[in-house]
Amino acid sequence: MKLSVYNTLADCSDVDISRVFEPFYRMDARTAGGSGLGLYVVKLLCDRLGWTVNAEINDGIFLLVITA
């Protein structure tokens, strides 16, 4: 089973894709509230279930793929 979620990015140059699963990581451009824990929690849950989660950016689109 595979679940893919994507979102367009206005400016993907601020995203360090190698750090998106780190706790408290947030893009510098974000001014709205938030703790930066969302993708970290997704990664922990997937690890506990034996699933994989990957993130990538292609042509200004942030793609998250969870594979069970």
PDB file of N, CA and C in Angstrom:
ATOM      1  N   MET A   1       0.839  -1.162   0.000  1.00  0.00           N
ATOM      2  CA  MET A   1       0.000   0.000   0.000  1.00  0.00           C
ATOM      3  C   MET A   1       0.891   1.234   0.000  1.00  0.00           C
ATOM      4  N   LYS A   2       0.486   2.242  -0.739  1.00  0.00           N
ATOM      5  CA  LYS A   2       1.261   3.468  -0.831  1.00  0.00           C
ATOM      6  C   LYS A   2       0.317   4.653  -0.730  1.00  0.00           C
ATOM      7  N   LEU A   3       0.689   5.628   0.110  1.00  0.00           N
ATOM      8  CA  LEU A   3      -0.069   6.861   0.263  1.00  0.00           C
ATOM      9  C   LEU A   3       0.833   8.016  -0.122  1.00  0.00           C
ATOM     10  N   SER A   4       0.371   8.842  -1.048  1.00  0.00           N
ATOM     11  CA  SER A   4       1.130  10.012  -1.475  1.00  0.00           C
ATOM     12  C   SER A   4       0.331  11.266  -1.170  1.00  0.00           C
ATOM     13  N   VAL A   5       1.012  12.255  -0.607  1.00  0.00           N
ATOM     14  CA  VAL A   5       0.408  13.540  -0.296  1.00  0.00           C
ATOM     15  C   VAL A   5       1.327  14.605  -0.872  1.00  0.00           C
ATOM     16  N   TYR A   6       0.746  15.600  -1.528  1.00  0.00           N
ATOM     17  CA  TYR A   6       1.587  16.646  -2.096  1.00  0.00           C
ATOM     18  C   TYR A   6       0.991  18.017  -1.837  1.00  0.00           C
ATOM     19  N   ASN A   7       1.865  19.022  -1.923  1.00  0.00           N
ATOM     20  CA  ASN A   7       1.478  20.399  -1.727  1.00  0.00           C
ATOM     21  C   ASN A   7       2.408  21.273  -2.548  1.00  0.00           C
ATOM     22  N   THR A   8       1.873  22.313  -3.149  1.00  0.00           N
ATOM     23  CA  THR A   8       2.711  23.234  -3.908  1.00  0.00           C
ATOM     24  C   THR A   8       3.426  24.180  -2.945  1.00  0.00           C
ATOM     25  N   LEU A   9       4.610  24.595  -3.325  1.00  0.00           N
ATOM     26  CA  LEU A   9       5.408  25.509  -2.526  1.00  0.00           C
ATOM     27  C   LEU A   9       5.615  26.798  -3.296  1.00  0.00           C
ATOM     28  N   ALA A  10       5.432  27.913  -2.642  1.00  0.00           N
ATOM     29  CA  ALA A  10       5.665  29.199  -3.290  1.00  0.00           C
ATOM     30  C   ALA A  10       7.155  29.400  -3.547  1.00  0.00           C
ATOM     31  N   ASP A  11       7.974  28.991  -2.583  1.00  0.00           N
ATOM     32  CA  ASP A  11       9.426  29.143  -2.714  1.00  0.00           C
ATOM     33  C   ASP A  11      10.097  27.934  -2.074  1.00  0.00           C
ATOM     34  N   CYS A  12      10.524  26.998  -2.899  1.00  0.00           N
ATOM     35  CA  CYS A  12      11.107  25.764  -2.367  1.00  0.00           C
ATOM     36  C   CYS A  12      12.596  25.916  -2.035  1.00  0.00           C
ATOM     37  N   SER A  13      13.177  27.072  -2.281  1.00  0.00           N
ATOM     38  CA  SER A  13      14.600  27.253  -1.993  1.00  0.00           C
ATOM     39  C   SER A  13      14.874  27.293  -0.488  1.00  0.00           C
ATOM     40  N   ASP A  14      13.841  27.572   0.328  1.00  0.00           N
ATOM     41  CA  ASP A  14      14.020  27.642   1.778  1.00  0.00           C
ATOM     42  C   ASP A  14      13.905  26.282   2.456  1.00  0.00           C
ATOM     43  N   VAL A  15      13.527  25.249   1.721  1.00  0.00           N
ATOM     44  CA  VAL A  15      13.304  23.932   2.319  1.00  0.00           C
ATOM     45  C   VAL A  15      14.574  23.092   2.234  1.00  0.00           C
ATOM     46  N   ASP A  16      15.019  22.606   3.378  1.00  0.00           N
ATOM     47  CA  ASP A  16      16.142  21.662   3.423  1.00  0.00           C
ATOM     48  C   ASP A  16      15.524  20.270   3.544  1.00  0.00           C
ATOM     49  N   ILE A  17      15.348  19.602   2.417  1.00  0.00           N
ATOM     50  CA  ILE A  17      14.632  18.330   2.355  1.00  0.00           C
ATOM     51  C   ILE A  17      15.282  17.265   3.244  1.00  0.00           C
ATOM     52  N   SER A  18      16.573  17.382   3.499  1.00  0.00           N
ATOM     53  CA  SER A  18      17.249  16.400   4.346  1.00  0.00           C
ATOM     54  C   SER A  18      16.897  16.573   5.825  1.00  0.00           C
ATOM     55  N   ARG A  19      16.213  17.682   6.171  1.00  0.00           N
ATOM     56  CA  ARG A  19      15.899  17.959   7.581  1.00  0.00           C
ATOM     57  C   ARG A  19      14.409  17.954   7.888  1.00  0.00           C
ATOM     58  N   VAL A  20      13.542  17.710   6.929  1.00  0.00           N
ATOM     59  CA  VAL A  20      12.099  17.865   7.163  1.00  0.00           C
ATOM     60  C   VAL A  20      11.534  16.923   8.224  1.00  0.00           C
ATOM     61  N   PHE A  21      12.200  15.823   8.510  1.00  0.00           N
ATOM     62  CA  PHE A  21      11.716  14.890   9.528  1.00  0.00           C
ATOM     63  C   PHE A  21      12.358  15.126  10.896  1.00  0.00           C
ATOM     64  N   GLU A  22      13.179  16.160  11.029  1.00  0.00           N
ATOM     65  CA  GLU A  22      13.788  16.505  12.313  1.00  0.00           C
ATOM     66  C   GLU A  22      12.763  17.231  13.181  1.00  0.00           C
ATOM     67  N   PRO A  23      12.795  16.973  14.499  1.00  0.00           N
ATOM     68  CA  PRO A  23      11.868  17.690  15.368  1.00  0.00           C
ATOM     69  C   PRO A  23      12.182  19.190  15.373  1.00  0.00           C
ATOM     70  N   PHE A  24      11.148  19.987  15.346  1.00  0.00           N
ATOM     71  CA  PHE A  24      11.206  21.450  15.421  1.00  0.00           C
ATOM     72  C   PHE A  24      11.761  22.116  14.169  1.00  0.00           C
ATOM     73  N   TYR A  25      11.995  21.366  13.090  1.00  0.00           N
ATOM     74  CA  TYR A  25      12.472  21.991  11.851  1.00  0.00           C
ATOM     75  C   TYR A  25      11.314  22.744  11.197  1.00  0.00           C
ATOM     76  N   ARG A  26      11.564  23.988  10.865  1.00  0.00           N
ATOM     77  CA  ARG A  26      10.600  24.816  10.141  1.00  0.00           C
ATOM     78  C   ARG A  26      11.362  25.636   9.119  1.00  0.00           C
ATOM     79  N   MET A  27      10.710  25.908   8.006  1.00  0.00           N
ATOM     80  CA  MET A  27      11.333  26.769   7.000  1.00  0.00           C
ATOM     81  C   MET A  27      11.488  28.166   7.590  1.00  0.00           C
ATOM     82  N   ASP A  28      12.517  28.868   7.166  1.00  0.00           N
ATOM     83  CA  ASP A  28      12.732  30.233   7.640  1.00  0.00           C
ATOM     84  C   ASP A  28      11.611  31.170   7.232  1.00  0.00           C
ATOM     85  N   ALA A  29      10.957  30.883   6.120  1.00  0.00           N
ATOM     86  CA  ALA A  29       9.945  31.781   5.573  1.00  0.00           C
ATOM     87  C   ALA A  29       8.609  31.703   6.307  1.00  0.00           C
ATOM     88  N   ARG A  30       8.422  30.686   7.136  1.00  0.00           N
ATOM     89  CA  ARG A  30       7.133  30.532   7.826  1.00  0.00           C
ATOM     90  C   ARG A  30       6.996  31.562   8.927  1.00  0.00           C
ATOM     91  N   THR A  31       5.891  32.279   8.909  1.00  0.00           N
ATOM     92  CA  THR A  31       5.624  33.252   9.961  1.00  0.00           C
ATOM     93  C   THR A  31       4.439  32.810  10.808  1.00  0.00           C
ATOM     94  N   ALA A  32       3.669  31.852  10.330  1.00  0.00           N
ATOM     95  CA  ALA A  32       2.516  31.363  11.078  1.00  0.00           C
ATOM     96  C   ALA A  32       2.984  30.497  12.239  1.00  0.00           C
ATOM     97  N   GLY A  33       2.101  30.255  13.183  1.00  0.00           N
ATOM     98  CA  GLY A  33       2.430  29.418  14.330  1.00  0.00           C
ATOM     99  C   GLY A  33       2.664  27.979  13.921  1.00  0.00           C
ATOM    100  N   GLY A  34       3.137  27.218  14.842  1.00  0.00           N
ATOM    101  CA  GLY A  34       3.406  25.812  14.597  1.00  0.00           C
ATOM    102  C   GLY A  34       4.691  25.417  15.283  1.00  0.00           C
ATOM    103  N   SER A  35       4.760  24.161  15.688  1.00  0.00           N
ATOM    104  CA  SER A  35       5.927  23.715  16.445  1.00  0.00           C
ATOM    105  C   SER A  35       6.969  23.023  15.576  1.00  0.00           C
ATOM    106  N   GLY A  36       6.592  22.626  14.373  1.00  0.00           N
ATOM    107  CA  GLY A  36       7.530  21.894  13.538  1.00  0.00           C
ATOM    108  C   GLY A  36       7.648  20.430  13.918  1.00  0.00           C
ATOM    109  N   LEU A  37       6.610  19.883  14.546  1.00  0.00           N
ATOM    110  CA  LEU A  37       6.651  18.487  14.979  1.00  0.00           C
ATOM    111  C   LEU A  37       5.858  17.548  14.083  1.00  0.00           C
ATOM    112  N   GLY A  38       5.058  18.058  13.166  1.00  0.00           N
ATOM    113  CA  GLY A  38       4.155  17.222  12.373  1.00  0.00           C
ATOM    114  C   GLY A  38       4.829  16.103  11.613  1.00  0.00           C
ATOM    115  N   LEU A  39       5.814  16.413  10.783  1.00  0.00           N
ATOM    116  CA  LEU A  39       6.476  15.379   9.988  1.00  0.00           C
ATOM    117  C   LEU A  39       7.360  14.491  10.857  1.00  0.00           C
ATOM    118  N   TYR A  40       7.855  15.037  11.961  1.00  0.00           N
ATOM    119  CA  TYR A  40       8.623  14.224  12.900  1.00  0.00           C
ATOM    120  C   TYR A  40       7.736  13.122  13.497  1.00  0.00           C
ATOM    121  N   VAL A  41       6.533  13.475  13.873  1.00  0.00           N
ATOM    122  CA  VAL A  41       5.589  12.501  14.429  1.00  0.00           C
ATOM    123  C   VAL A  41       5.203  11.467  13.370  1.00  0.00           C
ATOM    124  N   VAL A  42       4.997  11.902  12.137  1.00  0.00           N
ATOM    125  CA  VAL A  42       4.699  10.967  11.040  1.00  0.00           C
ATOM    126  C   VAL A  42       5.836   9.965  10.889  1.00  0.00           C
ATOM    127  N   LYS A  43       7.074  10.452  10.922  1.00  0.00           N
ATOM    128  CA  LYS A  43       8.243   9.574  10.790  1.00  0.00           C
ATOM    129  C   LYS A  43       8.305   8.571  11.943  1.00  0.00           C
ATOM    130  N   LEU A  44       8.082   9.032  13.175  1.00  0.00           N
ATOM    131  CA  LEU A  44       8.097   8.121  14.330  1.00  0.00           C
ATOM    132  C   LEU A  44       7.028   7.047  14.199  1.00  0.00           C
ATOM    133  N   LEU A  45       5.828   7.439  13.828  1.00  0.00           N
ATOM    134  CA  LEU A  45       4.735   6.484  13.678  1.00  0.00           C
ATOM    135  C   LEU A  45       5.039   5.458  12.590  1.00  0.00           C
ATOM    136  N   CYS A  46       5.533   5.923  11.455  1.00  0.00           N
ATOM    137  CA  CYS A  46       5.874   4.999  10.361  1.00  0.00           C
ATOM    138  C   CYS A  46       6.979   4.032  10.783  1.00  0.00           C
ATOM    139  N   ASP A  47       7.982   4.536  11.493  1.00  0.00           N
ATOM    140  CA  ASP A  47       9.057   3.664  11.966  1.00  0.00           C
ATOM    141  C   ASP A  47       8.516   2.581  12.908  1.00  0.00           C
ATOM    142  N   ARG A  48       7.632   2.961  13.799  1.00  0.00           N
ATOM    143  CA  ARG A  48       7.068   2.003  14.757  1.00  0.00           C
ATOM    144  C   ARG A  48       6.215   0.949  14.063  1.00  0.00           C
ATOM    145  N   LEU A  49       5.557   1.317  12.968  1.00  0.00           N
ATOM    146  CA  LEU A  49       4.701   0.383  12.242  1.00  0.00           C
ATOM    147  C   LEU A  49       5.471  -0.435  11.206  1.00  0.00           C
ATOM    148  N   GLY A  50       6.760  -0.120  11.022  1.00  0.00           N
ATOM    149  CA  GLY A  50       7.555  -0.831  10.026  1.00  0.00           C
ATOM    150  C   GLY A  50       7.323  -0.321   8.620  1.00  0.00           C
ATOM    151  N   TRP A  51       6.780   0.871   8.497  1.00  0.00           N
ATOM    152  CA  TRP A  51       6.535   1.493   7.196  1.00  0.00           C
ATOM    153  C   TRP A  51       7.689   2.432   6.869  1.00  0.00           C
ATOM    154  N   THR A  52       7.727   2.889   5.630  1.00  0.00           N
ATOM    155  CA  THR A  52       8.725   3.880   5.230  1.00  0.00           C
ATOM    156  C   THR A  52       8.026   5.168   4.840  1.00  0.00           C
ATOM    157  N   VAL A  53       8.704   6.266   5.071  1.00  0.00           N
ATOM    158  CA  VAL A  53       8.194   7.575   4.660  1.00  0.00           C
ATOM    159  C   VAL A  53       9.347   8.340   4.018  1.00  0.00           C
ATOM    160  N   ASN A  54       9.079   8.952   2.895  1.00  0.00           N
ATOM    161  CA  ASN A  54      10.078   9.720   2.155  1.00  0.00           C
ATOM    162  C   ASN A  54       9.474  11.038   1.713  1.00  0.00           C
ATOM    163  N   ALA A  55      10.326  12.036   1.593  1.00  0.00           N
ATOM    164  CA  ALA A  55       9.893  13.347   1.124  1.00  0.00           C
ATOM    165  C   ALA A  55      10.812  13.788  -0.005  1.00  0.00           C
ATOM    166  N   GLU A  56      10.249  14.506  -0.948  1.00  0.00           N
ATOM    167  CA  GLU A  56      11.042  15.056  -2.049  1.00  0.00           C
ATOM    168  C   GLU A  56      10.367  16.313  -2.578  1.00  0.00           C
ATOM    169  N   ILE A  57      11.143  17.098  -3.289  1.00  0.00           N
ATOM    170  CA  ILE A  57      10.618  18.298  -3.936  1.00  0.00           C
ATOM    171  C   ILE A  57      10.953  18.216  -5.415  1.00  0.00           C
ATOM    172  N   ASN A  58       9.931  18.349  -6.249  1.00  0.00           N
ATOM    173  CA  ASN A  58      10.103  18.346  -7.698  1.00  0.00           C
ATOM    174  C   ASN A  58       9.280  19.475  -8.299  1.00  0.00           C
ATOM    175  N   ASP A  59       9.938  20.379  -8.999  1.00  0.00           N
ATOM    176  CA  ASP A  59       9.248  21.477  -9.692  1.00  0.00           C
ATOM    177  C   ASP A  59       8.303  22.247  -8.772  1.00  0.00           C
ATOM    178  N   GLY A  60       8.738  22.562  -7.572  1.00  0.00           N
ATOM    179  CA  GLY A  60       7.949  23.352  -6.649  1.00  0.00           C
ATOM    180  C   GLY A  60       6.828  22.596  -5.961  1.00  0.00           C
ATOM    181  N   ILE A  61       6.854  21.280  -6.019  1.00  0.00           N
ATOM    182  CA  ILE A  61       5.839  20.461  -5.350  1.00  0.00           C
ATOM    183  C   ILE A  61       6.531  19.604  -4.290  1.00  0.00           C
ATOM    184  N   PHE A  62       6.033  19.719  -3.049  1.00  0.00           N
ATOM    185  CA  PHE A  62       6.529  18.912  -1.954  1.00  0.00           C
ATOM    186  C   PHE A  62       5.723  17.621  -1.942  1.00  0.00           C
ATOM    187  N   LEU A  63       6.396  16.494  -2.019  1.00  0.00           N
ATOM    188  CA  LEU A  63       5.737  15.187  -2.090  1.00  0.00           C
ATOM    189  C   LEU A  63       6.170  14.340  -0.905  1.00  0.00           C
ATOM    190  N   LEU A  64       5.190  13.776  -0.208  1.00  0.00           N
ATOM    191  CA  LEU A  64       5.417  12.878   0.911  1.00  0.00           C
ATOM    192  C   LEU A  64       4.817  11.530   0.527  1.00  0.00           C
ATOM    193  N   VAL A  65       5.619  10.464   0.613  1.00  0.00           N
ATOM    194  CA  VAL A  65       5.164   9.123   0.232  1.00  0.00           C
ATOM    195  C   VAL A  65       5.357   8.180   1.413  1.00  0.00           C
ATOM    196  N   ILE A  66       4.254   7.584   1.856  1.00  0.00           N
ATOM    197  CA  ILE A  66       4.277   6.580   2.925  1.00  0.00           C
ATOM    198  C   ILE A  66       3.994   5.226   2.290  1.00  0.00           C
ATOM    199  N   THR A  67       4.879   4.258   2.539  1.00  0.00           N
ATOM    200  CA  THR A  67       4.730   2.919   1.993  1.00  0.00           C
ATOM    201  C   THR A  67       4.621   1.920   3.132  1.00  0.00           C
ATOM    202  N   ALA A  68       3.544   1.123   3.070  1.00  0.00           N
ATOM    203  CA  ALA A  68       3.323   0.101   4.110  1.00  0.00           C
ATOM    204  C   ALA A  68       3.664  -1.252   3.555  1.00  0.00           C
TER     205      ALA A  68
END
